[in-house]
C-alpha cells in the first residue's frame, strides 16, 4: 500500500470530530503551500508573463480568457 493510500484509509476511519479537525488543518496547510508557491513564482519571474498579458488587456487590448491563461503551460508548470 502506498503512503497516500494509507493516509486515505486513515482519514476515512476518523470519527466525525477528528475528521473536521483534520479538514481544517488540511485546508490551512493547502492555503499556506499555495501562498508559498505564489511567492516563489513572483520572485522567479514566472508571473511576469501573466502580468504583461493583464497589463495589455487593461490598455485596451482584446480580453484574454481565463481558460487561455490557465491552459498556458508556462504558467501551469510547477516550479
PDB file of N, CA and C in Angstrom:
ATOM      1  N   UNK A   1       0.857  -1.180   0.000  1.00  0.00           N
ATOM      2  CA  UNK A   1       0.000   0.000   0.000  1.00  0.00           C
ATOM      3  C   UNK A   1       0.900   1.240   0.000  1.00  0.00           C
ATOM      4  N   UNK A   2       0.590   2.198  -0.867  1.00  0.00           N
ATOM      5  CA  UNK A   2       1.376   3.426  -0.935  1.00  0.00           C
ATOM      6  C   UNK A   2       1.091   4.302   0.282  1.00  0.00           C
ATOM      7  N   UNK A   3       1.950   5.261   0.491  1.00  0.00           N
ATOM      8  CA  UNK A   3       1.776   6.190   1.608  1.00  0.00           C
ATOM      9  C   UNK A   3       0.454   6.957   1.471  1.00  0.00           C
ATOM     10  N   UNK A   4       0.140   7.381   0.248  1.00  0.00           N
ATOM     11  CA  UNK A   4      -1.109   8.117   0.024  1.00  0.00           C
ATOM     12  C   UNK A   4      -2.309   7.213   0.298  1.00  0.00           C
ATOM     13  N   UNK A   5      -2.247   5.988  -0.156  1.00  0.00           N
ATOM     14  CA  UNK A   5      -3.351   5.058   0.094  1.00  0.00           C
ATOM     15  C   UNK A   5      -3.541   4.838   1.596  1.00  0.00           C
ATOM     16  N   UNK A   6      -2.433   4.745   2.337  1.00  0.00           N
ATOM     17  CA  UNK A   6      -2.524   4.566   3.783  1.00  0.00           C
ATOM     18  C   UNK A   6      -3.148   5.792   4.437  1.00  0.00           C
ATOM     19  N   UNK A   7      -2.734   6.989   3.982  1.00  0.00           N
ATOM     20  CA  UNK A   7      -3.326   8.214   4.514  1.00  0.00           C
ATOM     21  C   UNK A   7      -4.823   8.276   4.226  1.00  0.00           C
ATOM     22  N   UNK A   8      -5.200   7.913   3.007  1.00  0.00           N
ATOM     23  CA  UNK A   8      -6.620   7.918   2.644  1.00  0.00           C
ATOM     24  C   UNK A   8      -7.411   6.976   3.541  1.00  0.00           C
ATOM     25  N   UNK A   9      -6.862   5.792   3.779  1.00  0.00           N
ATOM     26  CA  UNK A   9      -7.544   4.822   4.643  1.00  0.00           C
ATOM     27  C   UNK A   9      -7.647   5.348   6.068  1.00  0.00           C
ATOM     28  N   UNK A  10      -6.582   5.959   6.563  1.00  0.00           N
ATOM     29  CA  UNK A  10      -6.593   6.505   7.920  1.00  0.00           C
ATOM     30  C   UNK A  10      -7.612   7.630   8.051  1.00  0.00           C
ATOM     31  N   UNK A  11      -7.652   8.519   7.077  1.00  0.00           N
ATOM     32  CA  UNK A  11      -8.600   9.632   7.120  1.00  0.00           C
ATOM     33  C   UNK A  11     -10.037   9.114   7.046  1.00  0.00           C
ATOM     34  N   UNK A  12     -10.260   8.112   6.228  1.00  0.00           N
ATOM     35  CA  UNK A  12     -11.614   7.554   6.091  1.00  0.00           C
ATOM     36  C   UNK A  12     -12.121   6.969   7.405  1.00  0.00           C
ATOM     37  N   UNK A  13     -11.220   6.548   8.276  1.00  0.00           N
ATOM     38  CA  UNK A  13     -11.613   5.931   9.548  1.00  0.00           C
ATOM     39  C   UNK A  13     -11.753   6.933  10.694  1.00  0.00           C
ATOM     40  N   UNK A  14     -11.430   8.196  10.460  1.00  0.00           N
ATOM     41  CA  UNK A  14     -11.511   9.185  11.535  1.00  0.00           C
ATOM     42  C   UNK A  14     -12.960   9.394  11.974  1.00  0.00           C
ATOM     43  N   UNK A  15     -13.180   9.546  13.278  1.00  0.00           N
ATOM     44  CA  UNK A  15     -14.523   9.916  13.733  1.00  0.00           C
ATOM     45  C   UNK A  15     -14.846  11.337  13.258  1.00  0.00           C
ATOM     46  N   UNK A  16     -16.111  11.700  13.181  1.00  0.00           N
ATOM     47  CA  UNK A  16     -16.506  12.990  12.609  1.00  0.00           C
ATOM     48  C   UNK A  16     -15.762  14.198  13.180  1.00  0.00           C
ATOM     49  N   UNK A  17     -15.622  14.292  14.489  1.00  0.00           N
ATOM     50  CA  UNK A  17     -14.960  15.463  15.077  1.00  0.00           C
ATOM     51  C   UNK A  17     -13.483  15.532  14.671  1.00  0.00           C
ATOM     52  N   UNK A  18     -12.811  14.405  14.680  1.00  0.00           N
ATOM     53  CA  UNK A  18     -11.409  14.384  14.268  1.00  0.00           C
ATOM     54  C   UNK A  18     -11.277  14.654  12.767  1.00  0.00           C
ATOM     55  N   UNK A  19     -12.249  14.176  11.983  1.00  0.00           N
ATOM     56  CA  UNK A  19     -12.221  14.458  10.550  1.00  0.00           C
ATOM     57  C   UNK A  19     -12.321  15.955  10.309  1.00  0.00           C
ATOM     58  N   UNK A  20     -13.206  16.647  11.043  1.00  0.00           N
ATOM     59  CA  UNK A  20     -13.342  18.095  10.885  1.00  0.00           C
ATOM     60  C   UNK A  20     -12.055  18.812  11.295  1.00  0.00           C
ATOM     61  N   UNK A  21     -11.424  18.358  12.368  1.00  0.00           N
ATOM     62  CA  UNK A  21     -10.141  18.940  12.776  1.00  0.00           C
ATOM     63  C   UNK A  21      -9.101  18.753  11.670  1.00  0.00           C
ATOM     64  N   UNK A  22      -9.055  17.543  11.110  1.00  0.00           N
ATOM     65  CA  UNK A  22      -8.116  17.265  10.032  1.00  0.00           C
ATOM     66  C   UNK A  22      -8.420  18.124   8.809  1.00  0.00           C
ATOM     67  N   UNK A  23      -9.700  18.243   8.471  1.00  0.00           N
ATOM     68  CA  UNK A  23     -10.099  19.030   7.298  1.00  0.00           C
ATOM     69  C   UNK A  23      -9.678  20.486   7.464  1.00  0.00           C
ATOM     70  N   UNK A  24      -9.865  21.031   8.667  1.00  0.00           N
ATOM     71  CA  UNK A  24      -9.439  22.416   8.917  1.00  0.00           C
ATOM     72  C   UNK A  24      -7.927  22.550   8.762  1.00  0.00           C
ATOM     73  N   UNK A  25      -7.190  21.602   9.328  1.00  0.00           N
ATOM     74  CA  UNK A  25      -5.738  21.637   9.219  1.00  0.00           C
ATOM     75  C   UNK A  25      -5.320  21.525   7.746  1.00  0.00           C
ATOM     76  N   UNK A  26      -5.930  20.591   7.026  1.00  0.00           N
ATOM     77  CA  UNK A  26      -5.569  20.371   5.631  1.00  0.00           C
ATOM     78  C   UNK A  26      -5.834  21.613   4.791  1.00  0.00           C
ATOM     79  N   UNK A  27      -6.979  22.250   4.990  1.00  0.00           N
ATOM     80  CA  UNK A  27      -7.297  23.480   4.249  1.00  0.00           C
ATOM     81  C   UNK A  27      -6.274  24.576   4.543  1.00  0.00           C
ATOM     82  N   UNK A  28      -5.909  24.718   5.811  1.00  0.00           N
ATOM     83  CA  UNK A  28      -4.913  25.736   6.181  1.00  0.00           C
ATOM     84  C   UNK A  28      -3.551  25.406   5.574  1.00  0.00           C
ATOM     85  N   UNK A  29      -3.177  24.142   5.583  1.00  0.00           N
ATOM     86  CA  UNK A  29      -1.883  23.737   5.014  1.00  0.00           C
ATOM     87  C   UNK A  29      -1.854  23.929   3.506  1.00  0.00           C
ATOM     88  N   UNK A  30      -2.956  23.598   2.849  1.00  0.00           N
ATOM     89  CA  UNK A  30      -3.035  23.797   1.401  1.00  0.00           C
ATOM     90  C   UNK A  30      -2.917  25.282   1.065  1.00  0.00           C
ATOM     91  N   UNK A  31      -3.592  26.120   1.834  1.00  0.00           N
ATOM     92  CA  UNK A  31      -3.507  27.571   1.616  1.00  0.00           C
ATOM     93  C   UNK A  31      -2.092  28.086   1.858  1.00  0.00           C
ATOM     94  N   UNK A  32      -1.447  27.592   2.902  1.00  0.00           N
ATOM     95  CA  UNK A  32      -0.079  28.008   3.202  1.00  0.00           C
ATOM     96  C   UNK A  32       0.864  27.640   2.058  1.00  0.00           C
ATOM     97  N   UNK A  33       0.735  26.421   1.563  1.00  0.00           N
ATOM     98  CA  UNK A  33       1.606  25.981   0.463  1.00  0.00           C
ATOM     99  C   UNK A  33       1.307  26.751  -0.819  1.00  0.00           C
ATOM    100  N   UNK A  34       0.044  27.065  -1.056  1.00  0.00           N
ATOM    101  CA  UNK A  34      -0.334  27.861  -2.232  1.00  0.00           C
ATOM    102  C   UNK A  34       0.318  29.242  -2.142  1.00  0.00           C
ATOM    103  N   UNK A  35       0.240  29.856  -0.965  1.00  0.00           N
ATOM    104  CA  UNK A  35       0.860  31.175  -0.771  1.00  0.00           C
ATOM    105  C   UNK A  35       2.362  31.117  -1.030  1.00  0.00           C
ATOM    106  N   UNK A  36       3.011  30.076  -0.528  1.00  0.00           N
ATOM    107  CA  UNK A  36       4.456  29.926  -0.753  1.00  0.00           C
ATOM    108  C   UNK A  36       4.761  29.774  -2.242  1.00  0.00           C
ATOM    109  N   UNK A  37       3.915  29.025  -2.968  1.00  0.00           N
ATOM    110  CA  UNK A  37       4.135  28.831  -4.402  1.00  0.00           C
ATOM    111  C   UNK A  37       3.963  30.141  -5.157  1.00  0.00           C
ATOM    112  N   UNK A  38       2.940  30.905  -4.805  1.00  0.00           N
ATOM    113  CA  UNK A  38       2.713  32.201  -5.453  1.00  0.00           C
ATOM    114  C   UNK A  38       3.898  33.128  -5.188  1.00  0.00           C
ATOM    115  N   UNK A  39       4.377  33.153  -3.942  1.00  0.00           N
ATOM    116  CA  UNK A  39       5.531  33.990  -3.605  1.00  0.00           C
ATOM    117  C   UNK A  39       6.754  33.575  -4.415  1.00  0.00           C
ATOM    118  N   UNK A  40       6.998  32.266  -4.514  1.00  0.00           N
ATOM    119  CA  UNK A  40       8.147  31.773  -5.277  1.00  0.00           C
ATOM    120  C   UNK A  40       8.006  32.116  -6.755  1.00  0.00           C
ATOM    121  N   UNK A  41       6.801  31.944  -7.296  1.00  0.00           N
ATOM    122  CA  UNK A  41       6.566  32.259  -8.705  1.00  0.00           C
ATOM    123  C   UNK A  41       6.777  33.747  -8.976  1.00  0.00           C
ATOM    124  N   UNK A  42       6.354  34.578  -8.034  1.00  0.00           N
ATOM    125  CA  UNK A  42       6.540  36.023  -8.204  1.00  0.00           C
ATOM    126  C   UNK A  42       8.021  36.384  -8.166  1.00  0.00           C
ATOM    127  N   UNK A  43       8.763  35.770  -7.257  1.00  0.00           N
ATOM    128  CA  UNK A  43      10.190  36.072  -7.120  1.00  0.00           C
ATOM    129  C   UNK A  43      11.000  35.609  -8.329  1.00  0.00           C
ATOM    130  N   UNK A  44      10.643  34.465  -8.905  1.00  0.00           N
ATOM    131  CA  UNK A  44      11.441  33.938 -10.019  1.00  0.00           C
ATOM    132  C   UNK A  44      10.955  34.407 -11.389  1.00  0.00           C
ATOM    133  N   UNK A  45       9.987  35.325 -11.402  1.00  0.00           N
ATOM    134  CA  UNK A  45       9.541  35.918 -12.656  1.00  0.00           C
ATOM    135  C   UNK A  45       8.489  35.126 -13.411  1.00  0.00           C
ATOM    136  N   UNK A  46       8.052  34.024 -12.862  1.00  0.00           N
ATOM    137  CA  UNK A  46       7.082  33.185 -13.566  1.00  0.00           C
ATOM    138  C   UNK A  46       5.761  33.908 -13.803  1.00  0.00           C
ATOM    139  N   UNK A  47       5.416  34.846 -12.935  1.00  0.00           N
ATOM    140  CA  UNK A  47       4.151  35.565 -13.083  1.00  0.00           C
ATOM    141  C   UNK A  47       4.270  36.783 -13.992  1.00  0.00           C
ATOM    142  N   UNK A  48       5.480  37.088 -14.469  1.00  0.00           N
ATOM    143  CA  UNK A  48       5.672  38.272 -15.304  1.00  0.00           C
ATOM    144  C   UNK A  48       4.865  38.191 -16.597  1.00  0.00           C
ATOM    145  N   UNK A  49       4.844  37.007 -17.220  1.00  0.00           N
ATOM    146  CA  UNK A  49       4.095  36.836 -18.467  1.00  0.00           C
ATOM    147  C   UNK A  49       2.602  37.111 -18.236  1.00  0.00           C
ATOM    148  N   UNK A  50       2.084  36.596 -17.135  1.00  0.00           N
ATOM    149  CA  UNK A  50       0.679  36.847 -16.803  1.00  0.00           C
ATOM    150  C   UNK A  50       0.458  38.332 -16.551  1.00  0.00           C
ATOM    151  N   UNK A  51       1.340  38.966 -15.817  1.00  0.00           N
ATOM    152  CA  UNK A  51       1.227  40.403 -15.545  1.00  0.00           C
ATOM    153  C   UNK A  51       1.230  41.192 -16.850  1.00  0.00           C
ATOM    154  N   UNK A  52       2.151  40.858 -17.741  1.00  0.00           N
ATOM    155  CA  UNK A  52       2.239  41.561 -19.020  1.00  0.00           C
ATOM    156  C   UNK A  52       0.950  41.413 -19.828  1.00  0.00           C
ATOM    157  N   UNK A  53       0.373  40.201 -19.830  1.00  0.00           N
ATOM    158  CA  UNK A  53      -0.865  39.975 -20.579  1.00  0.00           C
ATOM    159  C   UNK A  53      -2.017  40.760 -19.974  1.00  0.00           C
ATOM    160  N   UNK A  54      -2.091  40.781 -18.651  1.00  0.00           N
ATOM    161  CA  UNK A  54      -3.157  41.534 -18.000  1.00  0.00           C
ATOM    162  C   UNK A  54      -2.977  43.033 -18.204  1.00  0.00           C
ATOM    163  N   UNK A  55      -1.758  43.492 -18.197  1.00  0.00           N
ATOM    164  CA  UNK A  55      -1.483  44.900 -18.449  1.00  0.00           C
ATOM    165  C   UNK A  55      -1.906  45.276 -19.873  1.00  0.00           C
ATOM    166  N   UNK A  56      -1.622  44.402 -20.847  1.00  0.00           N
ATOM    167  CA  UNK A  56      -2.027  44.646 -22.229  1.00  0.00           C
ATOM    168  C   UNK A  56      -3.551  44.696 -22.338  1.00  0.00           C
ATOM    169  N   UNK A  57      -4.220  43.810 -21.608  1.00  0.00           N
ATOM    170  CA  UNK A  57      -5.685  43.803 -21.631  1.00  0.00           C
ATOM    171  C   UNK A  57      -6.221  45.130 -21.089  1.00  0.00           C
ATOM    172  N   UNK A  58      -5.628  45.627 -20.050  1.00  0.00           N
ATOM    173  CA  UNK A  58      -6.077  46.889 -19.466  1.00  0.00           C
ATOM    174  C   UNK A  58      -5.764  48.077 -20.362  1.00  0.00           C
ATOM    175  N   UNK A  59      -4.859  47.911 -21.296  1.00  0.00           N
ATOM    176  CA  UNK A  59      -4.506  49.003 -22.207  1.00  0.00           C
ATOM    177  C   UNK A  59      -5.399  48.996 -23.447  1.00  0.00           C
ATOM    178  N   UNK A  60      -6.524  48.309 -23.380  1.00  0.00           N
ATOM    179  CA  UNK A  60      -7.472  48.302 -24.485  1.00  0.00           C
ATOM    180  C   UNK A  60      -7.277  47.152 -25.457  1.00  0.00           C
ATOM    181  N   UNK A  61      -6.405  46.224 -25.139  1.00  0.00           N
ATOM    182  CA  UNK A  61      -6.209  45.055 -25.988  1.00  0.00           C
ATOM    183  C   UNK A  61      -7.398  44.112 -25.825  1.00  0.00           C
ATOM    184  N   UNK A  62      -7.566  43.157 -26.747  1.00  0.00           N
ATOM    185  CA  UNK A  62      -8.674  42.215 -26.615  1.00  0.00           C
ATOM    186  C   UNK A  62      -8.589  41.455 -25.291  1.00  0.00           C
ATOM    187  N   UNK A  63      -9.755  41.141 -24.765  1.00  0.00           N
ATOM    188  CA  UNK A  63      -9.818  40.419 -23.500  1.00  0.00           C
ATOM    189  C   UNK A  63      -9.190  39.037 -23.650  1.00  0.00           C
ATOM    190  N   UNK A  64      -8.443  38.622 -22.657  1.00  0.00           N
ATOM    191  CA  UNK A  64      -7.822  37.300 -22.636  1.00  0.00           C
ATOM    192  C   UNK A  64      -8.662  36.427 -21.714  1.00  0.00           C
ATOM    193  N   UNK A  65      -9.115  35.283 -22.221  1.00  0.00           N
ATOM    194  CA  UNK A  65      -9.960  34.421 -21.392  1.00  0.00           C
ATOM    195  C   UNK A  65      -9.135  33.773 -20.289  1.00  0.00           C
ATOM    196  N   UNK A  66      -9.777  33.549 -19.152  1.00  0.00           N
ATOM    197  CA  UNK A  66      -9.107  32.907 -18.037  1.00  0.00           C
ATOM    198  C   UNK A  66      -8.625  31.517 -18.426  1.00  0.00           C
ATOM    199  N   UNK A  67      -9.417  30.779 -19.211  1.00  0.00           N
ATOM    200  CA  UNK A  67      -9.011  29.444 -19.637  1.00  0.00           C
ATOM    201  C   UNK A  67      -7.723  29.489 -20.459  1.00  0.00           C
ATOM    202  N   UNK A  68      -7.584  30.507 -21.292  1.00  0.00           N
ATOM    203  CA  UNK A  68      -6.365  30.638 -22.094  1.00  0.00           C
ATOM    204  C   UNK A  68      -5.155  30.817 -21.188  1.00  0.00           C
ATOM    205  N   UNK A  69      -5.314  31.602 -20.145  1.00  0.00           N
ATOM    206  CA  UNK A  69      -4.217  31.815 -19.202  1.00  0.00           C
ATOM    207  C   UNK A  69      -3.934  30.534 -18.423  1.00  0.00           C
ATOM    208  N   UNK A  70      -4.986  29.881 -17.925  1.00  0.00           N
ATOM    209  CA  UNK A  70      -4.805  28.669 -17.129  1.00  0.00           C
ATOM    210  C   UNK A  70      -4.255  27.510 -17.948  1.00  0.00           C
ATOM    211  N   UNK A  71      -4.560  27.471 -19.235  1.00  0.00           N
ATOM    212  CA  UNK A  71      -4.081  26.386 -20.082  1.00  0.00           C
ATOM    213  C   UNK A  71      -2.660  26.622 -20.591  1.00  0.00           C
ATOM    214  N   UNK A  72      -2.099  27.774 -20.314  1.00  0.00           N
ATOM    215  CA  UNK A  72      -0.749  28.100 -20.774  1.00  0.00           C
ATOM    216  C   UNK A  72       0.262  27.264 -19.989  1.00  0.00           C
ATOM    217  N   UNK A  73       1.023  26.373 -20.652  1.00  0.00           N
ATOM    218  CA  UNK A  73       1.964  25.509 -19.935  1.00  0.00           C
ATOM    219  C   UNK A  73       3.043  26.289 -19.186  1.00  0.00           C
ATOM    220  N   UNK A  74       3.386  27.479 -19.659  1.00  0.00           N
ATOM    221  CA  UNK A  74       4.379  28.311 -18.965  1.00  0.00           C
ATOM    222  C   UNK A  74       3.890  28.692 -17.570  1.00  0.00           C
ATOM    223  N   UNK A  75       2.578  28.893 -17.438  1.00  0.00           N
ATOM    224  CA  UNK A  75       2.020  29.348 -16.176  1.00  0.00           C
ATOM    225  C   UNK A  75       1.578  28.203 -15.289  1.00  0.00           C
ATOM    226  N   UNK A  76       1.307  27.039 -15.858  1.00  0.00           N
ATOM    227  CA  UNK A  76       0.783  25.941 -15.075  1.00  0.00           C
ATOM    228  C   UNK A  76       1.843  24.936 -14.663  1.00  0.00           C
ATOM    229  N   UNK A  77       3.068  25.122 -15.115  1.00  0.00           N
ATOM    230  CA  UNK A  77       4.150  24.195 -14.780  1.00  0.00           C
ATOM    231  C   UNK A  77       4.623  24.456 -13.348  1.00  0.00           C
ATOM    232  N   UNK A  78       4.690  23.420 -12.496  1.00  0.00           N
ATOM    233  CA  UNK A  78       5.185  23.608 -11.138  1.00  0.00           C
ATOM    234  C   UNK A  78       6.652  24.022 -11.152  1.00  0.00           C
ATOM    235  N   UNK A  79       7.038  24.787 -10.143  1.00  0.00           N
ATOM    236  CA  UNK A  79       8.432  25.208 -10.034  1.00  0.00           C
ATOM    237  C   UNK A  79       9.196  24.272  -9.151  1.00  0.00           C
TER     238      UNK A  79
END
